[in-house]
N, C-alpha and C. Protein backbone atom coordinates (compact mmCIF):
# COMPACT_ATOMS: atom_id res chain seq x y z
N UNK A 1 -5.76 1.32 0.65
CA UNK A 1 -4.83 0.43 0.75
C UNK A 1 -3.65 0.98 1.45
N UNK A 2 -3.75 2.36 1.82
CA UNK A 2 -2.53 2.96 2.47
C UNK A 2 -2.74 2.52 3.71
N UNK A 3 -1.21 2.46 4.44
CA UNK A 3 -1.21 1.89 5.83
C UNK A 3 -1.22 0.57 6.04
N UNK A 4 -0.97 -0.23 4.99
CA UNK A 4 -1.03 -1.59 5.02
C UNK A 4 0.48 -2.16 5.17
N UNK A 5 0.57 -3.16 5.70
CA UNK A 5 1.93 -3.85 5.88
C UNK A 5 2.60 -3.93 4.57
N UNK A 6 3.69 -3.70 4.38
CA UNK A 6 4.41 -3.83 3.08
C UNK A 6 4.33 -5.24 2.76
N UNK A 7 4.62 -6.24 3.40
CA UNK A 7 4.22 -7.71 3.06
C UNK A 7 3.31 -8.18 2.55
N UNK A 8 2.14 -7.28 2.80
CA UNK A 8 0.80 -7.73 2.48
C UNK A 8 0.45 -7.10 1.03
N UNK A 9 1.24 -6.38 0.69
CA UNK A 9 0.97 -5.34 -0.54
C UNK A 9 1.36 -6.23 -2.00
N UNK A 10 2.23 -7.22 -1.68
CA UNK A 10 3.01 -7.42 -2.90
C UNK A 10 3.45 -9.21 -2.92
N UNK A 11 3.32 -9.79 -3.64
CA UNK A 11 3.73 -11.14 -3.69
C UNK A 11 4.58 -11.55 -4.88
N UNK A 12 5.81 -11.83 -4.46
CA UNK A 12 6.99 -12.46 -5.54
C UNK A 12 7.00 -11.13 -6.57
N UNK A 13 6.88 -9.96 -6.11
CA UNK A 13 7.17 -9.13 -7.04
C UNK A 13 5.87 -8.43 -7.73
N UNK A 14 5.12 -9.19 -7.46
CA UNK A 14 3.42 -8.78 -8.10
C UNK A 14 3.01 -7.67 -7.40
N UNK A 15 2.75 -6.59 -8.27
CA UNK A 15 2.35 -5.29 -7.56
C UNK A 15 0.80 -5.09 -7.48
N UNK A 16 0.20 -5.30 -6.51
CA UNK A 16 -1.09 -5.31 -6.36
C UNK A 16 -2.01 -4.23 -6.71
N UNK A 17 -1.15 -3.03 -6.36
CA UNK A 17 -1.81 -1.73 -6.82
C UNK A 17 -1.93 -1.82 -8.54
N UNK A 18 -0.85 -2.14 -9.06
CA UNK A 18 -0.83 -2.05 -10.49
C UNK A 18 -1.95 -3.40 -11.00
N UNK A 19 -2.22 -4.29 -10.38
CA UNK A 19 -3.06 -5.24 -10.58
C UNK A 19 -4.45 -4.73 -10.60
N UNK A 20 -4.53 -3.97 -9.58
CA UNK A 20 -6.09 -3.78 -9.37
C UNK A 20 -6.44 -2.50 -10.35
N UNK A 21 -5.47 -1.42 -10.28
CA UNK A 21 -5.65 -0.56 -11.32
C UNK A 21 -5.70 -0.71 -12.75
N UNK A 22 -5.04 -2.15 -13.21
CA UNK A 22 -5.14 -2.50 -14.50
C UNK A 22 -6.44 -3.25 -14.99
N UNK A 23 -7.32 -3.76 -13.83
CA UNK A 23 -8.29 -4.76 -14.14
C UNK A 23 -9.68 -3.98 -14.47
N UNK A 24 -9.51 -2.68 -13.69
CA UNK A 24 -10.84 -1.81 -13.93
C UNK A 24 -11.11 -1.48 -15.35
N UNK A 25 -12.13 -2.20 -15.74
CA UNK A 25 -12.71 -1.96 -17.12
C UNK A 25 -11.87 -2.76 -17.93
N UNK A 26 -10.87 -3.28 -17.71
CA UNK A 26 -10.07 -4.30 -18.73
C UNK A 26 -10.90 -5.64 -18.74
N UNK A 27 -10.92 -6.18 -19.93
CA UNK A 27 -11.42 -7.53 -19.98
C UNK A 27 -10.83 -8.55 -19.53
N UNK A 28 -9.31 -8.45 -19.61
CA UNK A 28 -8.28 -9.68 -19.21
C UNK A 28 -7.72 -9.64 -17.87
N UNK A 29 -8.65 -10.19 -16.64
CA UNK A 29 -8.07 -10.34 -15.49
C UNK A 29 -7.58 -11.59 -14.96
N UNK A 30 -7.34 -12.30 -16.40
CA UNK A 30 -7.15 -13.69 -16.28
C UNK A 30 -5.77 -13.70 -17.29
N UNK A 31 -4.86 -14.69 -16.66
CA UNK A 31 -3.87 -15.25 -17.44
C UNK A 31 -4.33 -16.28 -18.38
N UNK A 32 -4.84 -15.71 -19.81
CA UNK A 32 -5.37 -17.03 -20.39
C UNK A 32 -4.55 -18.06 -20.70
N UNK A 33 -3.06 -18.06 -20.87
CA UNK A 33 -2.09 -18.91 -21.25
C UNK A 33 -2.01 -19.80 -20.00
N UNK A 34 -2.16 -19.18 -18.78
CA UNK A 34 -2.19 -20.09 -17.59
C UNK A 34 -3.05 -20.85 -17.63
N UNK A 35 -4.32 -20.50 -18.01
CA UNK A 35 -5.91 -20.83 -18.01
C UNK A 35 -5.97 -22.06 -18.72
N UNK A 36 -5.23 -21.95 -20.01
CA UNK A 36 -5.36 -22.89 -21.11
C UNK A 36 -4.45 -24.05 -20.68
N UNK A 37 -3.43 -23.79 -20.16
CA UNK A 37 -2.49 -25.04 -19.39
C UNK A 37 -3.30 -25.57 -18.63
N UNK A 38 -3.77 -25.11 -17.52
CA UNK A 38 -4.67 -25.76 -16.54
C UNK A 38 -5.63 -26.65 -17.26
N UNK A 39 -6.45 -25.98 -18.15
CA UNK A 39 -7.37 -26.68 -18.83
C UNK A 39 -6.77 -27.99 -19.29
N UNK A 40 -5.81 -28.13 -19.99
CA UNK A 40 -5.13 -29.03 -20.89
C UNK A 40 -4.47 -30.21 -19.75
N UNK A 41 -4.01 -29.75 -18.72
CA UNK A 41 -3.74 -30.59 -17.61
C UNK A 41 -4.80 -31.31 -16.98
N UNK A 42 -5.88 -30.51 -16.75
CA UNK A 42 -7.09 -31.25 -16.02
C UNK A 42 -7.95 -31.98 -16.83
N UNK A 43 -7.77 -31.82 -18.24
CA UNK A 43 -8.50 -32.71 -19.09
C UNK A 43 -9.96 -32.47 -18.86
N UNK A 44 -10.65 -33.84 -19.00
CA UNK A 44 -12.24 -33.70 -18.95
C UNK A 44 -12.62 -33.31 -17.39
N UNK A 45 -11.87 -33.43 -16.63
CA UNK A 45 -12.35 -32.95 -14.95
C UNK A 45 -12.01 -31.27 -14.80
N UNK A 46 -11.65 -30.59 -15.86
CA UNK A 46 -11.65 -29.11 -15.79
C UNK A 46 -12.69 -28.47 -15.64
N UNK A 47 -14.00 -28.80 -16.00
CA UNK A 47 -15.17 -27.92 -15.96
C UNK A 47 -15.67 -28.24 -14.78
N UNK A 48 -15.49 -29.58 -13.95
CA UNK A 48 -16.22 -30.02 -12.88
C UNK A 48 -15.10 -29.13 -11.69
N UNK A 49 -13.93 -29.27 -11.94
CA UNK A 49 -13.31 -28.14 -10.95
C UNK A 49 -13.26 -26.88 -11.07
N UNK A 50 -13.72 -26.28 -12.28
CA UNK A 50 -13.88 -24.91 -12.31
C UNK A 50 -15.34 -24.63 -11.51
N UNK A 51 -16.21 -25.72 -11.68
CA UNK A 51 -17.58 -25.50 -11.07
C UNK A 51 -17.26 -25.23 -9.37
N UNK A 52 -16.45 -26.16 -9.05
CA UNK A 52 -15.89 -26.17 -7.44
C UNK A 52 -15.09 -24.37 -7.12
N UNK A 53 -14.36 -24.12 -8.23
CA UNK A 53 -14.01 -22.79 -7.78
C UNK A 53 -15.07 -21.92 -7.84
N UNK A 54 -16.06 -21.84 -8.71
CA UNK A 54 -17.23 -20.98 -8.38
C UNK A 54 -17.94 -21.17 -7.22
N UNK A 55 -18.07 -22.43 -6.79
CA UNK A 55 -19.11 -22.63 -5.63
C UNK A 55 -18.26 -22.21 -4.33
N UNK A 56 -17.18 -22.79 -4.22
CA UNK A 56 -16.14 -22.37 -3.15
C UNK A 56 -15.72 -20.97 -2.96
N UNK A 57 -15.68 -20.62 -4.09
CA UNK A 57 -15.18 -18.91 -4.13
C UNK A 57 -16.46 -18.09 -3.74
N UNK A 58 -17.47 -18.15 -4.11
CA UNK A 58 -18.92 -17.71 -3.41
C UNK A 58 -19.22 -17.71 -2.05
N UNK A 59 -18.89 -18.93 -1.67
CA UNK A 59 -18.95 -19.27 -0.25
C UNK A 59 -17.77 -18.43 0.64
N UNK A 60 -16.46 -18.49 -0.14
CA UNK A 60 -15.36 -17.78 0.74
C UNK A 60 -15.68 -16.28 0.75
N UNK A 61 -16.13 -15.76 -0.36
CA UNK A 61 -16.46 -14.26 -0.47
C UNK A 61 -17.60 -14.00 0.65
N UNK A 62 -18.41 -14.95 0.77
CA UNK A 62 -19.61 -14.76 1.71
C UNK A 62 -18.98 -14.53 2.97
N UNK A 63 -18.22 -15.56 3.47
CA UNK A 63 -17.40 -15.96 4.65
C UNK A 63 -16.70 -14.48 4.79
N UNK A 64 -15.85 -14.01 4.13
CA UNK A 64 -14.90 -13.14 4.40
C UNK A 64 -16.05 -11.70 4.63
N UNK A 65 -16.82 -11.57 3.85
CA UNK A 65 -17.83 -10.37 3.99
C UNK A 65 -18.64 -10.47 5.19
N UNK A 66 -19.02 -11.71 5.61
CA UNK A 66 -19.41 -11.99 7.16
C UNK A 66 -18.47 -11.49 8.22
N UNK A 67 -17.40 -11.92 8.03
CA UNK A 67 -16.29 -11.72 8.90
C UNK A 67 -16.03 -10.44 9.26
N UNK A 68 -15.90 -9.75 8.29
CA UNK A 68 -15.78 -8.12 8.03
C UNK A 68 -16.78 -7.43 9.32
N UNK A 69 -18.36 -8.04 8.67
CA UNK A 69 -19.45 -7.41 9.66
C UNK A 69 -19.43 -7.77 10.97
N UNK A 70 -18.65 -9.25 11.18
CA UNK A 70 -18.78 -9.47 12.53
C UNK A 70 -17.71 -9.18 13.34
N UNK A 71 -16.60 -8.16 12.70
CA UNK A 71 -15.30 -7.89 13.14
C UNK A 71 -14.86 -9.23 13.63
N UNK A 72 -14.64 -10.26 12.97
CA UNK A 72 -13.79 -11.38 13.36
C UNK A 72 -12.69 -11.57 12.33
N UNK A 73 -11.64 -11.34 12.98
CA UNK A 73 -10.45 -11.20 12.03
C UNK A 73 -9.85 -12.37 11.83
N UNK A 74 -10.10 -13.33 12.67
CA UNK A 74 -9.64 -14.99 12.37
C UNK A 74 -10.39 -15.40 11.63
N UNK A 75 -11.66 -15.36 11.32
CA UNK A 75 -12.60 -15.73 10.21
C UNK A 75 -12.11 -15.12 8.89
N UNK A 76 -11.31 -14.17 8.60
CA UNK A 76 -10.97 -13.81 7.49
C UNK A 76 -9.84 -14.89 6.82
N UNK A 77 -9.21 -15.40 7.47
CA UNK A 77 -8.06 -16.09 7.09
C UNK A 77 -8.05 -17.28 6.00
N UNK A 78 -9.06 -18.16 6.71
CA UNK A 78 -9.21 -19.39 5.74
C UNK A 78 -9.92 -19.16 4.39
N UNK A 79 -10.80 -18.37 4.63
CA UNK A 79 -11.52 -18.19 3.21
C UNK A 79 -10.62 -17.51 2.00
N UNK A 80 -10.00 -16.49 2.76
CA UNK A 80 -8.88 -15.78 1.78
C UNK A 80 -8.12 -16.41 1.12
N UNK A 81 -7.38 -17.42 2.05
CA UNK A 81 -6.37 -18.31 1.78
C UNK A 81 -7.23 -19.51 0.52
N UNK A 82 -8.48 -19.68 0.77
CA UNK A 82 -8.93 -20.68 0.01
C UNK A 82 -9.03 -20.06 -1.55
N UNK A 83 -9.49 -18.64 -1.85
CA UNK A 83 -9.59 -17.93 -2.98
C UNK A 83 -8.30 -17.88 -3.55
N UNK A 84 -7.16 -17.51 -2.44
CA UNK A 84 -5.97 -17.03 -3.21
C UNK A 84 -5.21 -18.54 -4.03
N UNK A 85 -5.63 -19.69 -3.31
CA UNK A 85 -5.17 -20.81 -4.20
C UNK A 85 -5.88 -21.07 -5.33
N UNK A 86 -7.06 -21.18 -5.28
CA UNK A 86 -7.84 -21.77 -6.10
C UNK A 86 -7.84 -20.46 -7.47
N UNK A 87 -7.63 -19.39 -7.45
CA UNK A 87 -7.84 -18.32 -8.23
C UNK A 87 -6.34 -18.60 -8.84
N UNK A 88 -5.25 -18.50 -8.16
CA UNK A 88 -3.76 -19.07 -8.99
C UNK A 88 -3.93 -20.36 -9.75
N UNK A 89 -4.56 -21.18 -9.24
CA UNK A 89 -4.80 -22.44 -10.27
C UNK A 89 -5.36 -22.03 -11.32
N UNK A 90 -6.17 -21.32 -11.64
CA UNK A 90 -6.69 -20.85 -13.24
C UNK A 90 -6.14 -19.67 -13.83
N UNK A 91 -5.11 -18.94 -13.24
CA UNK A 91 -4.60 -18.09 -13.61
C UNK A 91 -5.02 -16.58 -13.39
N UNK A 92 -5.94 -16.48 -12.35
CA UNK A 92 -6.43 -15.09 -11.94
C UNK A 92 -5.84 -14.46 -10.99
N UNK A 93 -4.66 -13.69 -11.33
CA UNK A 93 -3.72 -13.34 -10.43
C UNK A 93 -4.29 -12.25 -9.54
N UNK A 94 -4.96 -11.23 -10.28
CA UNK A 94 -5.57 -10.11 -9.62
C UNK A 94 -6.38 -10.47 -8.36
N UNK A 95 -7.21 -11.56 -8.56
CA UNK A 95 -8.08 -12.00 -7.70
C UNK A 95 -7.32 -12.59 -6.19
N UNK A 96 -6.21 -13.43 -6.80
CA UNK A 96 -5.51 -13.95 -5.84
C UNK A 96 -4.57 -13.16 -5.19
N UNK A 97 -4.42 -11.82 -5.68
CA UNK A 97 -3.45 -10.98 -4.85
C UNK A 97 -4.22 -10.12 -4.00
N UNK A 98 -5.41 -10.13 -4.28
CA UNK A 98 -6.37 -9.13 -3.10
C UNK A 98 -6.71 -10.29 -2.09
N UNK A 99 -6.85 -11.65 -2.26
CA UNK A 99 -7.33 -12.69 -1.42
C UNK A 99 -5.87 -12.69 -0.64
N UNK A 100 -4.73 -12.75 -0.92
CA UNK A 100 -3.59 -12.82 -0.30
C UNK A 100 -3.41 -11.67 0.59
N UNK A 101 -3.73 -10.49 0.05
CA UNK A 101 -3.58 -9.30 0.82
C UNK A 101 -4.53 -9.25 2.28
N UNK A 102 -5.78 -9.87 1.97
CA UNK A 102 -6.86 -10.04 2.92
C UNK A 102 -6.33 -10.84 3.94
N UNK A 103 -5.65 -12.26 3.45
CA UNK A 103 -5.30 -13.20 4.41
C UNK A 103 -3.81 -12.90 5.33
N UNK A 104 -3.16 -11.88 4.53
CA UNK A 104 -1.71 -11.79 5.05
C UNK A 104 -2.10 -10.35 6.29
N UNK A 105 -3.11 -9.69 5.78
CA UNK A 105 -3.19 -8.47 6.64
C UNK A 105 -4.12 -9.15 7.87
N UNK A 106 -4.87 -9.97 7.67
CA UNK A 106 -5.65 -10.43 8.74
C UNK A 106 -4.79 -11.36 9.74
N UNK A 107 -3.95 -12.07 9.09
CA UNK A 107 -2.89 -12.86 10.05
C UNK A 107 -1.92 -11.89 10.78
N UNK A 108 -1.84 -10.98 10.28
CA UNK A 108 -0.63 -9.74 11.28
C UNK A 108 -1.70 -9.28 12.16
N UNK A 109 -3.15 -8.75 11.64
CA UNK A 109 -3.79 -8.46 12.67
C UNK A 109 -4.45 -9.37 13.96
N UNK A 110 -4.40 -10.48 13.51
CA UNK A 110 -4.54 -11.88 14.55
C UNK A 110 -3.48 -11.47 15.82
N UNK A 111 -2.17 -11.57 15.08
CA UNK A 111 -1.11 -11.35 15.89
C UNK A 111 -1.06 -10.11 16.76
N UNK A 112 -1.56 -9.24 16.33
CA UNK A 112 -1.28 -7.73 16.83
C UNK A 112 -2.69 -7.79 17.80
N UNK A 113 -3.63 -8.35 17.73
CA UNK A 113 -4.97 -8.65 18.23
C UNK A 113 -5.79 -7.06 17.89
N UNK A 114 -5.77 -6.88 16.95
CA UNK A 114 -6.81 -5.80 16.42
C UNK A 114 -7.53 -6.27 14.89
N UNK A 115 -8.55 -5.39 14.83
CA UNK A 115 -9.33 -5.60 13.67
C UNK A 115 -8.90 -5.11 12.45
N UNK A 116 -8.71 -5.53 11.04
CA UNK A 116 -8.16 -4.97 9.92
C UNK A 116 -9.34 -3.93 9.39
N UNK A 117 -9.81 -2.73 9.96
CA UNK A 117 -10.83 -1.96 9.17
C UNK A 117 -10.23 -1.57 7.90
N UNK A 118 -9.11 -1.55 7.80
CA UNK A 118 -8.48 -0.86 6.40
C UNK A 118 -8.78 -1.95 5.23
N UNK A 119 -9.41 -3.24 5.44
CA UNK A 119 -9.52 -4.25 4.58
C UNK A 119 -11.01 -3.98 3.72
N UNK A 120 -11.86 -3.09 4.31
CA UNK A 120 -13.19 -2.96 3.90
C UNK A 120 -12.94 -2.80 2.23
N UNK A 121 -12.41 -1.86 1.81
CA UNK A 121 -12.14 -1.52 0.49
C UNK A 121 -11.84 -2.89 -0.24
N UNK A 122 -10.89 -3.51 0.06
CA UNK A 122 -10.15 -4.78 -0.61
C UNK A 122 -11.30 -5.76 -0.51
N UNK A 123 -12.14 -5.87 0.57
CA UNK A 123 -13.07 -7.09 0.60
C UNK A 123 -14.40 -6.61 -0.52
N UNK A 124 -14.67 -5.49 -0.86
CA UNK A 124 -15.41 -4.97 -1.97
C UNK A 124 -14.64 -5.25 -3.40
N UNK A 125 -13.53 -5.02 -3.37
CA UNK A 125 -12.72 -5.13 -4.55
C UNK A 125 -12.69 -6.61 -4.82
N UNK A 126 -12.29 -7.61 -3.89
CA UNK A 126 -12.36 -9.03 -3.86
C UNK A 126 -14.04 -9.49 -4.56
N UNK A 127 -14.85 -9.13 -3.92
CA UNK A 127 -16.07 -9.50 -4.60
C UNK A 127 -16.29 -9.03 -6.09
N UNK A 128 -15.93 -8.03 -6.35
CA UNK A 128 -15.89 -7.50 -7.84
C UNK A 128 -15.22 -8.28 -8.72
N UNK A 129 -14.08 -8.46 -8.18
CA UNK A 129 -13.09 -9.24 -9.08
C UNK A 129 -13.50 -10.76 -9.20
N UNK A 130 -14.13 -11.44 -8.09
CA UNK A 130 -14.52 -12.62 -7.99
C UNK A 130 -15.58 -12.92 -9.30
N UNK A 131 -16.36 -11.88 -9.23
CA UNK A 131 -17.66 -11.93 -10.08
C UNK A 131 -17.35 -11.73 -11.41
N UNK A 132 -16.43 -10.68 -11.87
CA UNK A 132 -15.72 -10.66 -12.99
C UNK A 132 -15.06 -11.87 -13.38
N UNK A 133 -14.02 -12.30 -12.69
CA UNK A 133 -13.34 -13.80 -13.18
C UNK A 133 -14.09 -14.86 -13.36
N UNK A 134 -15.49 -15.04 -12.67
CA UNK A 134 -16.52 -15.87 -13.06
C UNK A 134 -17.01 -15.69 -14.48
N UNK A 135 -17.13 -14.43 -14.66
CA UNK A 135 -17.95 -14.02 -15.74
C UNK A 135 -17.17 -14.46 -16.90
N UNK A 136 -15.80 -13.72 -16.77
CA UNK A 136 -14.59 -14.22 -17.84
C UNK A 136 -14.74 -15.81 -18.27
N UNK A 137 -14.25 -16.55 -16.94
CA UNK A 137 -14.50 -17.69 -17.06
C UNK A 137 -15.27 -18.57 -17.89
N UNK A 138 -16.86 -18.11 -17.35
CA UNK A 138 -17.82 -18.55 -18.29
C UNK A 138 -17.95 -18.18 -19.75
N UNK A 139 -17.37 -16.98 -20.24
CA UNK A 139 -17.23 -16.71 -21.45
C UNK A 139 -16.59 -17.52 -22.27
N UNK A 140 -15.20 -18.04 -21.36
CA UNK A 140 -13.89 -18.95 -22.05
C UNK A 140 -14.66 -20.16 -22.01
N UNK A 141 -15.55 -20.85 -21.30
CA UNK A 141 -15.98 -22.38 -21.35
C UNK A 141 -17.20 -22.45 -21.69
N UNK A 142 -18.05 -21.47 -22.05
CA UNK A 142 -19.74 -21.83 -22.38
C UNK A 142 -19.72 -21.02 -23.92
N UNK A 143 -19.72 -21.98 -25.23
CA UNK A 143 -19.79 -21.39 -26.45
C UNK A 143 -21.13 -20.49 -26.44
N UNK A 144 -22.34 -20.91 -25.59
CA UNK A 144 -23.40 -20.18 -25.69
C UNK A 144 -23.33 -18.56 -25.48
N UNK A 145 -22.15 -18.44 -24.49
CA UNK A 145 -22.32 -16.97 -23.80
C UNK A 145 -21.30 -16.42 -25.10
N UNK A 146 -20.43 -16.90 -26.06
CA UNK A 146 -19.86 -16.03 -26.95
C UNK A 146 -20.35 -15.98 -28.31
N UNK A 147 -21.52 -16.65 -28.58
CA UNK A 147 -22.14 -16.53 -29.83
C UNK A 147 -22.56 -15.26 -30.38
N UNK A 148 -22.13 -15.02 -31.47
CA UNK A 148 -22.86 -13.59 -31.95
C UNK A 148 -24.29 -13.75 -31.94
N UNK A 149 -25.00 -12.40 -32.23
CA UNK A 149 -26.66 -12.35 -31.71
C UNK A 149 -27.04 -12.53 -33.40
N UNK A 150 -26.19 -12.50 -34.36
CA UNK A 150 -26.78 -12.57 -35.77
C UNK A 150 -27.24 -13.90 -35.89
N UNK A 151 -28.34 -14.26 -36.39
CA UNK A 151 -28.72 -15.67 -36.65
C UNK A 151 -29.29 -16.28 -35.31
N UNK A 152 -29.51 -15.41 -34.25
CA UNK A 152 -29.74 -16.06 -33.11
C UNK A 152 -31.37 -16.59 -33.11
N UNK A 153 -31.52 -17.62 -32.36
CA UNK A 153 -33.08 -18.06 -32.20
C UNK A 153 -34.02 -16.90 -32.13
N UNK A 154 -35.01 -16.84 -33.03
CA UNK A 154 -36.21 -15.96 -32.93
C UNK A 154 -36.18 -14.78 -33.63
N UNK A 155 -35.03 -14.68 -34.37
CA UNK A 155 -34.61 -13.72 -35.35
C UNK A 155 -35.04 -14.09 -36.76
N UNK A 156 -35.78 -13.48 -37.39
CA UNK A 156 -36.13 -13.61 -38.70
C UNK A 156 -35.13 -13.93 -39.76
N UNK A 157 -35.19 -14.92 -40.26
CA UNK A 157 -33.83 -15.45 -41.25
C UNK A 157 -34.21 -14.73 -42.77
N UNK A 158 -33.49 -13.90 -43.33
CA UNK A 158 -34.13 -13.38 -44.51
C UNK A 158 -34.02 -14.39 -45.81
N UNK A 159 -32.89 -15.42 -45.73
CA UNK A 159 -32.77 -16.00 -46.80
C UNK A 159 -33.02 -17.57 -46.57
N UNK A 160 -33.67 -17.93 -45.24
CA UNK A 160 -33.72 -19.18 -44.88
C UNK A 160 -34.61 -19.82 -45.85
N UNK A 161 -34.31 -21.10 -46.54
CA UNK A 161 -35.35 -21.98 -47.08
C UNK A 161 -35.47 -21.32 -48.42
N UNK A 162 -34.61 -20.41 -49.02
CA UNK A 162 -34.82 -19.63 -50.33
C UNK A 162 -33.53 -20.11 -51.56
N UNK A 163 -34.00 -20.27 -52.53
CA UNK A 163 -32.74 -20.45 -53.40
C UNK A 163 -32.33 -19.33 -53.82
């Protein structure tokens, strides 16, 4: 991320480097209080809207990867903007910050008519963060993913049916 425009590295005092470094190996890349507020506000539509995040995000990540492969700077902007907004809606600030970095850098490079080669590592990080964020969301919303293996289907129960 060295050599990037300073405006692309920060968002309202949010330090992108700290966010990325703190998420490596850390289970909480989501602001769970924000996530729960969003869940409460959206009510019954929450799961449906979260599924849109999963679908739209996967498409956006693929579009960003394709734009990098094709060296198409303009094609980076909209999908990065999409992920940024949707991630912030659910409290996934590290994901939103990387998406914003990609969007902002791409916009600057469109103006200066150059391709942002320096974003390759950030695009890889975006994909990793997106996948980890979706995994965390799944764990938070799907009780089957958080149940303990004790008493799981297919295991022999020692006292079942005995007095």
